[in-house]
C-alpha atoms as a PDB file:
ATOM      1  CA  MET A   1      -8.706  -4.720   3.512  1.00  0.00           C
ATOM      2  CA  ARG A   2      -5.092  -4.239   5.426  1.00  0.00           C
ATOM      3  CA  VAL A   3      -4.766  -1.051   7.368  1.00  0.00           C
ATOM      4  CA  LEU A   4      -1.483   0.239   9.733  1.00  0.00           C
ATOM      5  CA  LEU A   5      -2.537   1.858  13.269  1.00  0.00           C
ATOM      6  CA  VAL A   6       0.583   4.198  13.963  1.00  0.00           C
ATOM      7  CA  GLU A   7      -0.874   5.292  18.033  1.00  0.00           C
ATOM      8  CA  ASP A   8       1.109   4.957  21.280  1.00  0.00           C
ATOM      9  CA  ASP A   9      -2.013   5.002  23.600  1.00  0.00           C
ATOM     10  CA  PRO A  10      -2.791   1.387  24.443  1.00  0.00           C
ATOM     11  CA  ASP A  11      -6.481   1.994  25.115  1.00  0.00           C
ATOM     12  CA  MET A  12      -6.969   4.561  22.193  1.00  0.00           C
ATOM     13  CA  SER A  13      -5.188   1.625  20.103  1.00  0.00           C
ATOM     14  CA  ALA A  14      -6.985  -1.161  21.320  1.00  0.00           C
ATOM     15  CA  MET A  15     -10.234   0.280  20.856  1.00  0.00           C
ATOM     16  CA  ILE A  16      -9.983   1.276  17.074  1.00  0.00           C
ATOM     17  CA  ARG A  17      -8.534  -2.436  16.581  1.00  0.00           C
ATOM     18  CA  HIS A  18     -11.481  -3.613  18.354  1.00  0.00           C
ATOM     19  CA  GLY A  19     -13.759  -1.420  15.978  1.00  0.00           C
ATOM     20  CA  LEU A  20     -11.795  -1.581  12.585  1.00  0.00           C
ATOM     21  CA  SER A  21     -11.702  -5.715  13.400  1.00  0.00           C
ATOM     22  CA  ALA A  22     -15.316  -5.970  13.721  1.00  0.00           C
ATOM     23  CA  SER A  23     -15.728  -3.801  10.854  1.00  0.00           C
ATOM     24  CA  GLY A  24     -13.595  -6.642   8.476  1.00  0.00           C
ATOM     25  CA  PHE A  25     -10.874  -4.720   8.106  1.00  0.00           C
ATOM     26  CA  ALA A  26      -7.139  -6.326   8.934  1.00  0.00           C
ATOM     27  CA  VAL A  27      -5.155  -4.140  11.821  1.00  0.00           C
ATOM     28  CA  ASP A  28      -1.169  -3.485  12.378  1.00  0.00           C
ATOM     29  CA  TRP A  29      -0.245  -1.579  14.832  1.00  0.00           C
ATOM     30  CA  ALA A  30       3.041   0.063  15.672  1.00  0.00           C
ATOM     31  CA  PRO A  31       3.635   1.475  18.826  1.00  0.00           C
ATOM     32  CA  ASP A  32       5.748   4.533  17.805  1.00  0.00           C
ATOM     33  CA  GLY A  33       6.844   6.557  14.950  1.00  0.00           C
ATOM     34  CA  ARG A  34      10.079   4.686  14.034  1.00  0.00           C
ATOM     35  CA  VAL A  35       8.302   1.586  14.341  1.00  0.00           C
ATOM     36  CA  GLY A  36       5.111   3.192  12.034  1.00  0.00           C
ATOM     37  CA  LEU A  37       7.400   4.192   9.498  1.00  0.00           C
ATOM     38  CA  ALA A  38       9.400   1.008   8.829  1.00  0.00           C
ATOM     39  CA  ARG A  39       6.150  -1.145   8.461  1.00  0.00           C
ATOM     40  CA  ALA A  40       4.529   1.297   6.085  1.00  0.00           C
ATOM     41  CA  LEU A  41       7.998   1.215   4.101  1.00  0.00           C
ATOM     42  CA  ARG A  42       8.088  -2.638   3.964  1.00  0.00           C
ATOM     43  CA  ARG A  43       4.321  -3.803   2.807  1.00  0.00           C
ATOM     44  CA  PRO A  44       0.953  -2.192   1.152  1.00  0.00           C
ATOM     45  CA  TYR A  45      -1.534  -1.042   3.193  1.00  0.00           C
ATOM     46  CA  SER A  46      -4.949   0.279   1.963  1.00  0.00           C
ATOM     47  CA  LEU A  47      -4.614   3.101   4.570  1.00  0.00           C
ATOM     48  CA  ILE A  48      -2.466   4.343   7.223  1.00  0.00           C
ATOM     49  CA  ILE A  49      -3.928   5.528  10.633  1.00  0.00           C
ATOM     50  CA  LEU A  50      -1.319   8.227  12.186  1.00  0.00           C
ATOM     51  CA  ASP A  51      -1.559   9.756  15.570  1.00  0.00           C
ATOM     52  CA  LEU A  52       0.462  13.284  15.609  1.00  0.00           C
ATOM     53  CA  MET A  53       1.673  12.710  19.144  1.00  0.00           C
ATOM     54  CA  LEU A  54       3.929   9.930  19.215  1.00  0.00           C
ATOM     55  CA  PRO A  55       7.632   8.705  21.012  1.00  0.00           C
ATOM     56  CA  ASN A  56      10.807   8.442  19.085  1.00  0.00           C
ATOM     57  CA  LEU A  57       9.211  10.083  15.497  1.00  0.00           C
ATOM     58  CA  GLY A  58       6.564  12.442  15.490  1.00  0.00           C
ATOM     59  CA  GLY A  59       3.614  11.962  13.390  1.00  0.00           C
ATOM     60  CA  LEU A  60       4.147  15.016  11.359  1.00  0.00           C
ATOM     61  CA  GLU A  61       7.660  13.652  10.825  1.00  0.00           C
ATOM     62  CA  VAL A  62       6.515  10.243   9.752  1.00  0.00           C
ATOM     63  CA  CYS A  63       4.103  11.614   7.662  1.00  0.00           C
ATOM     64  CA  ARG A  64       6.671  13.668   5.338  1.00  0.00           C
ATOM     65  CA  GLU A  65       8.863  10.517   4.843  1.00  0.00           C
ATOM     66  CA  LEU A  66       6.479   8.348   3.752  1.00  0.00           C
ATOM     67  CA  ARG A  67       5.906  10.970   1.028  1.00  0.00           C
ATOM     68  CA  LEU A  68       9.290  11.813   0.372  1.00  0.00           C
ATOM     69  CA  ASN A  69       9.410   7.943  -0.570  1.00  0.00           C
ATOM     70  CA  GLN A  70       6.908   8.358  -2.920  1.00  0.00           C
ATOM     71  CA  LEU A  71       4.345   6.258  -0.947  1.00  0.00           C
ATOM     72  CA  LEU A  72       0.543   7.483  -1.895  1.00  0.00           C
ATOM     73  CA  THR A  73      -0.909   5.392   0.731  1.00  0.00           C
ATOM     74  CA  PRO A  74      -3.705   7.525   1.763  1.00  0.00           C
ATOM     75  CA  ILE A  75      -3.179   9.046   5.710  1.00  0.00           C
ATOM     76  CA  LEU A  76      -5.670   9.481   8.077  1.00  0.00           C
ATOM     77  CA  MET A  77      -3.979  11.742  10.988  1.00  0.00           C
ATOM     78  CA  ILE A  78      -5.620  11.873  14.300  1.00  0.00           C
ATOM     79  CA  THR A  79      -4.719  13.897  17.328  1.00  0.00           C
ATOM     80  CA  ALA A  80      -5.855  15.210  20.846  1.00  0.00           C
ATOM     81  CA  ARG A  81      -4.303  18.704  19.311  1.00  0.00           C
ATOM     82  CA  ASP A  82      -7.049  20.149  17.286  1.00  0.00           C
ATOM     83  CA  LEU A  83      -5.662  24.057  16.856  1.00  0.00           C
ATOM     84  CA  VAL A  84      -6.117  25.317  13.075  1.00  0.00           C
ATOM     85  CA  ALA A  85      -2.299  25.264  13.172  1.00  0.00           C
ATOM     86  CA  ASP A  86      -1.823  21.789  13.961  1.00  0.00           C
ATOM     87  CA  ARG A  87      -4.822  20.733  11.167  1.00  0.00           C
ATOM     88  CA  VAL A  88      -2.680  22.857   8.940  1.00  0.00           C
ATOM     89  CA  ALA A  89       0.586  21.246   9.427  1.00  0.00           C
ATOM     90  CA  GLY A  90      -0.865  18.150   9.313  1.00  0.00           C
ATOM     91  CA  LEU A  91      -2.510  18.609   5.624  1.00  0.00           C
ATOM     92  CA  ASP A  92       0.499  20.017   4.448  1.00  0.00           C
ATOM     93  CA  VAL A  93       3.102  16.930   5.265  1.00  0.00           C
ATOM     94  CA  GLY A  94       0.768  14.985   2.979  1.00  0.00           C
ATOM     95  CA  ALA A  95      -1.946  13.687   5.274  1.00  0.00           C
ATOM     96  CA  ASP A  96      -5.414  13.269   3.407  1.00  0.00           C
ATOM     97  CA  ASP A  97      -7.635  13.509   6.707  1.00  0.00           C
ATOM     98  CA  TYR A  98      -7.625  14.954  10.032  1.00  0.00           C
ATOM     99  CA  LEU A  99      -9.525  13.885  12.712  1.00  0.00           C
ATOM    100  CA  PRO A 100      -9.374  15.372  16.615  1.00  0.00           C
ATOM    101  CA  LYS A 101      -9.712  13.062  19.568  1.00  0.00           C
ATOM    102  CA  PRO A 102     -11.772  12.402  20.984  1.00  0.00           C
ATOM    103  CA  PHE A 103     -14.015  11.237  18.185  1.00  0.00           C
ATOM    104  CA  ASP A 104     -17.389   9.255  17.556  1.00  0.00           C
ATOM    105  CA  PHE A 105     -16.153   5.867  15.852  1.00  0.00           C
ATOM    106  CA  SER A 106     -19.025   5.963  13.522  1.00  0.00           C
ATOM    107  CA  GLU A 107     -17.169   9.204  12.180  1.00  0.00           C
ATOM    108  CA  PHE A 108     -14.025   7.593  12.177  1.00  0.00           C
ATOM    109  CA  LEU A 109     -15.372   4.974  10.364  1.00  0.00           C
ATOM    110  CA  ALA A 110     -17.227   6.580   7.725  1.00  0.00           C
ATOM    111  CA  ARG A 111     -14.005   8.543   7.105  1.00  0.00           C
ATOM    112  CA  VAL A 112     -11.550   5.617   6.809  1.00  0.00           C
ATOM    113  CA  ARG A 113     -14.028   4.052   4.358  1.00  0.00           C
ATOM    114  CA  ALA A 114     -14.225   7.744   2.326  1.00  0.00           C
ATOM    115  CA  LEU A 115     -10.321   7.384   1.948  1.00  0.00           C
ATOM    116  CA  ILE A 116     -10.014   4.088   0.907  1.00  0.00           C
ATOM    117  CA  ARG A 117     -12.839   4.466  -1.983  1.00  0.00           C
ATOM    118  CA  ARG A 118     -11.504   7.900  -3.300  1.00  0.00           C
ATOM    119  CA  ASP A 119      -8.320   6.213  -3.345  1.00  0.00           C
ATOM    120  CA  ARG A 120      -9.766   3.209  -4.801  1.00  0.00           C
ATOM    121  CA  VAL A 121     -11.245   5.839  -7.268  1.00  0.00           C
ATOM    122  CA  LEU A 122      -7.779   7.311  -7.887  1.00  0.00           C
ATOM    123  CA  ARG A 123      -6.143   3.949  -8.674  1.00  0.00           C
ATOM    124  CA  SER A 124      -8.785   2.555 -11.136  1.00  0.00           C
ATOM    125  CA  ARG A 125      -7.175   5.336 -14.015  1.00  0.00           C
ATOM    126  CA  ASN A 126      -4.435   3.540 -15.985  1.00  0.00           C
ATOM    127  CA  ILE A 127      -0.851   3.135 -14.718  1.00  0.00           C
ATOM    128  CA  GLU A 128       1.902   3.859 -16.996  1.00  0.00           C
ATOM    129  CA  ILE A 129       5.475   2.298 -16.592  1.00  0.00           C
ATOM    130  CA  GLY A 130       7.489   3.216 -19.255  1.00  0.00           C
ATOM    131  CA  ASP A 131       6.358   1.041 -22.317  1.00  0.00           C
ATOM    132  CA  VAL A 132       3.401  -0.865 -20.338  1.00  0.00           C
ATOM    133  CA  GLU A 133       0.372   0.583 -19.971  1.00  0.00           C
ATOM    134  CA  ILE A 134      -2.621  -0.936 -16.926  1.00  0.00           C
ATOM    135  CA  GLU A 135      -6.261  -0.359 -17.773  1.00  0.00           C
ATOM    136  CA  VAL A 136      -7.257  -0.963 -14.524  1.00  0.00           C
ATOM    137  CA  GLY A 137     -10.841  -0.683 -15.050  1.00  0.00           C
ATOM    138  CA  HIS A 138     -10.548  -2.663 -17.674  1.00  0.00           C
ATOM    139  CA  ARG A 139      -7.953  -5.348 -15.940  1.00  0.00           C
ATOM    140  CA  THR A 140      -5.771  -5.213 -19.115  1.00  0.00           C
ATOM    141  CA  VAL A 141      -2.254  -4.675 -19.511  1.00  0.00           C
ATOM    142  CA  LYS A 142      -0.486  -3.446 -23.104  1.00  0.00           C
ATOM    143  CA  ARG A 143       3.182  -3.317 -23.422  1.00  0.00           C
ATOM    144  CA  ALA A 144       4.446  -1.231 -26.177  1.00  0.00           C
ATOM    145  CA  GLY A 145       0.529  -1.080 -27.336  1.00  0.00           C
ATOM    146  CA  LYS A 146       0.193  -4.756 -27.600  1.00  0.00           C
ATOM    147  CA  VAL A 147      -2.541  -6.602 -25.280  1.00  0.00           C
ATOM    148  CA  ILE A 148      -0.864  -9.391 -23.010  1.00  0.00           C
ATOM    149  CA  PRO A 149      -3.510 -11.921 -21.931  1.00  0.00           C
ATOM    150  CA  LEU A 150      -3.115 -12.601 -18.224  1.00  0.00           C
ATOM    151  CA  THR A 151      -5.110 -15.044 -16.205  1.00  0.00           C
ATOM    152  CA  ARG A 152      -6.700 -13.311 -13.276  1.00  0.00           C
ATOM    153  CA  LEU A 153      -3.785 -14.512 -10.666  1.00  0.00           C
ATOM    154  CA  GLU A 154      -1.342 -13.180 -13.228  1.00  0.00           C
ATOM    155  CA  TYR A 155      -3.292  -9.777 -13.001  1.00  0.00           C
ATOM    156  CA  ASP A 156      -3.810  -9.475  -9.500  1.00  0.00           C
ATOM    157  CA  ILE A 157      -0.139 -10.066  -8.820  1.00  0.00           C
ATOM    158  CA  PHE A 158       1.180  -7.622 -11.602  1.00  0.00           C
ATOM    159  CA  GLU A 159      -1.331  -4.688 -10.386  1.00  0.00           C
ATOM    160  CA  ILE A 160       0.158  -5.085  -6.848  1.00  0.00           C
ATOM    161  CA  LEU A 161       3.517  -4.821  -7.981  1.00  0.00           C
ATOM    162  CA  ALA A 162       3.105  -1.727 -10.845  1.00  0.00           C
ATOM    163  CA  THR A 163       0.848   0.052  -8.081  1.00  0.00           C
ATOM    164  CA  GLN A 164       3.976   0.019  -6.008  1.00  0.00           C
ATOM    165  CA  VAL A 165       7.065   0.819  -8.752  1.00  0.00           C
ATOM    166  CA  GLY A 166      10.359   0.613  -7.494  1.00  0.00           C
ATOM    167  CA  ARG A 167       9.482  -0.578  -3.955  1.00  0.00           C
ATOM    168  CA  ILE A 168       9.832  -4.363  -2.713  1.00  0.00           C
ATOM    169  CA  VAL A 169       7.125  -5.930  -2.045  1.00  0.00           C
ATOM    170  CA  SER A 170       7.674  -9.187  -0.010  1.00  0.00           C
ATOM    171  CA  ARG A 171       6.674 -12.519  -0.456  1.00  0.00           C
ATOM    172  CA  GLU A 172       4.398 -12.600   2.592  1.00  0.00           C
ATOM    173  CA  SER A 173       2.582  -9.740   1.340  1.00  0.00           C
ATOM    174  CA  LEU A 174       1.640 -11.176  -1.895  1.00  0.00           C
ATOM    175  CA  LEU A 175       0.767 -14.248  -0.544  1.00  0.00           C
ATOM    176  CA  GLU A 176      -1.624 -12.368   2.374  1.00  0.00           C
ATOM    177  CA  ILE A 177      -3.499 -10.108  -0.316  1.00  0.00           C
ATOM    178  CA  VAL A 178      -3.747 -12.369  -3.476  1.00  0.00           C
ATOM    179  CA  TRP A 179      -4.415 -15.703  -1.143  1.00  0.00           C
ATOM    180  CA  GLN A 180      -5.672 -14.263   1.918  1.00  0.00           C
ATOM    181  CA  ASP A 181      -7.049 -17.082   4.193  1.00  0.00           C
ATOM    182  CA  ARG A 182      -6.774 -19.640   1.310  1.00  0.00           C
ATOM    183  CA  ASP A 183      -3.608 -21.723   0.874  1.00  0.00           C
ATOM    184  CA  PRO A 184      -2.148 -21.351  -2.151  1.00  0.00           C
ATOM    185  CA  GLY A 185       0.301 -24.511  -2.370  1.00  0.00           C
ATOM    186  CA  SER A 186       4.000 -24.155  -2.100  1.00  0.00           C
ATOM    187  CA  ASN A 187       5.537 -22.561  -5.348  1.00  0.00           C
ATOM    188  CA  LYS A 188       2.393 -21.137  -6.735  1.00  0.00           C
ATOM    189  CA  LEU A 189       3.346 -17.269  -6.271  1.00  0.00           C
ATOM    190  CA  GLU A 190       6.524 -18.408  -7.870  1.00  0.00           C
ATOM    191  CA  VAL A 191       4.987 -19.997 -10.893  1.00  0.00           C
ATOM    192  CA  ALA A 192       2.535 -17.308 -11.721  1.00  0.00           C
ATOM    193  CA  ILE A 193       5.641 -15.130 -11.346  1.00  0.00           C
ATOM    194  CA  ARG A 194       7.647 -17.046 -14.003  1.00  0.00           C
ATOM    195  CA  SER A 195       4.525 -16.777 -16.062  1.00  0.00           C
ATOM    196  CA  LEU A 196       4.709 -13.465 -15.817  1.00  0.00           C
ATOM    197  CA  ARG A 197       7.725 -12.161 -16.513  1.00  0.00           C
ATOM    198  CA  LYS A 198       7.591 -15.149 -20.058  1.00  0.00           C
ATOM    199  CA  LYS A 199       4.546 -12.946 -21.115  1.00  0.00           C
ATOM    200  CA  LEU A 200       5.820  -9.400 -20.306  1.00  0.00           C
ATOM    201  CA  ASP A 201       9.069  -9.458 -21.521  1.00  0.00           C
ATOM    202  CA  SER A 202       8.890 -11.776 -24.643  1.00  0.00           C
ATOM    203  CA  GLY A 203      10.809  -9.493 -27.589  1.00  0.00           C
ATOM    204  CA  ALA A 204      11.309  -6.480 -25.071  1.00  0.00           C
ATOM    205  CA  GLU A 205      14.469  -4.645 -24.101  1.00  0.00           C
ATOM    206  CA  SER A 206      13.819  -4.152 -20.542  1.00  0.00           C
ATOM    207  CA  LYS A 207      12.693  -6.485 -17.917  1.00  0.00           C
ATOM    208  CA  LEU A 208       9.901  -5.577 -15.511  1.00  0.00           C
ATOM    209  CA  ILE A 209       9.842  -7.921 -12.587  1.00  0.00           C
ATOM    210  CA  HIS A 210      12.885  -8.895 -10.138  1.00  0.00           C
ATOM    211  CA  THR A 211      13.623 -10.826  -7.435  1.00  0.00           C
ATOM    212  CA  ILE A 212      15.436  -9.364  -4.714  1.00  0.00           C
ATOM    213  CA  TYR A 213      16.239 -12.469  -2.894  1.00  0.00           C
ATOM    214  CA  GLY A 214      15.561 -12.749   0.429  1.00  0.00           C
ATOM    215  CA  PHE A 215      13.056  -9.943   0.490  1.00  0.00           C
ATOM    216  CA  GLY A 216      10.295 -10.215  -2.427  1.00  0.00           C
ATOM    217  CA  TYR A 217       9.518  -8.666  -5.439  1.00  0.00           C
ATOM    218  CA  ILE A 218      10.118  -5.464  -7.475  1.00  0.00           C
ATOM    219  CA  VAL A 219       8.865  -3.913 -10.535  1.00  0.00           C
ATOM    220  CA  ARG A 220      11.510  -1.540 -12.549  1.00  0.00           C
ATOM    221  CA  GLN A 221      12.794  -1.318 -15.762  1.00  0.00           C
ATOM    222  CA  GLU A 222      15.937  -2.922 -16.646  1.00  0.00           C
ATOM    223  CA  ARG A 223      17.822  -3.959 -19.510  1.00  0.00           C
ATOM    224  CA  ASP A 224      18.830  -7.905 -20.120  1.00  0.00           C
ATOM    225  CA  GLY A 225      21.484  -9.548 -17.983  1.00  0.00           C
ATOM    226  CA  SER A 226      19.647  -7.623 -14.766  1.00  0.00           C
ATOM    227  CA  VAL A 227      18.200  -9.870 -11.666  1.00  0.00           C
END
């Protein structure tokens, strides 16, 4: 699982990154709010760990912008400010949890795991995109009530795209999430995308998976003739 840490303190960020890496997480680090916002909008994460006091763009503003952009990734806000008003402000703009500094790393890690676990439970419910329904718990996809037979690889790719509906998912992100450290080969992703399109769009009026050249793929419904 990959998480994004937005923290400007180099010592604090080093400690968190080391602890999370030792616990099996992949960690991307952003040293200020603007970089953190850009990275969070560019690729999917399992969790965002967000400091409140950040240069360039504060944590409250980052959190607010992420929610305005319909990003539902769980957010754990961390800060040295522990006034009730600060905690309320963080939760009001969309943070899922709030942990004051300094904190015990075991508690921090427990909160990280709890937020990711809760998010998985929420995402285990069905996903609906127009006439498409994804039964996440059963790993099945239906379109107009008809079951679409997908391979395991095709389903994994489509679920990632569907949970980010309306947002571009880069080719690099898909390769990293689906294949992790394994080499998929030069065009395995493209072959799977072509097969997905053929199965999902057969006989349908709107197309689902679109290529954004130079960036990646996006799920949205468009009529025939669209890219």
